[in-house]
């Protein structure tokens, strides 16, 4: 890691892929924004999955919400082993997760929502 503060007048940035390896004094959470037209064509990538390490479910408001850590880990483990049908309990609700078709079905109500995979598993 270079000393950006000494070189260009900004602070150091540390990118850690496993949040269990850090104990920060403080953190800065931000979303990188840029003008896609200024990114060279060979560097452009279609966005797939999430920007994080957790599975996500489509919320009623149209946004995405993280599946909690333990069920997300269970889903990732199942996905890696080729088991595409997983049942998880989140709070008081039981869900059937179809990792092949990327759907979450509430077992008691039958409500189905879309899932998306994490970029890192």
Foldseek 3Di string as FASTA:
>chain_A
DDQCCVVPNDHDDDDDQDVVVDDDPDDDDDDDDDDVVPDDPVPDDDDAFDAHQFKWWQDPVRDIDGDDDPVRVVCVVCVVVPNQWDWDDDDNWIWTARNVQQWIATPPPRDITGMGHHPHD
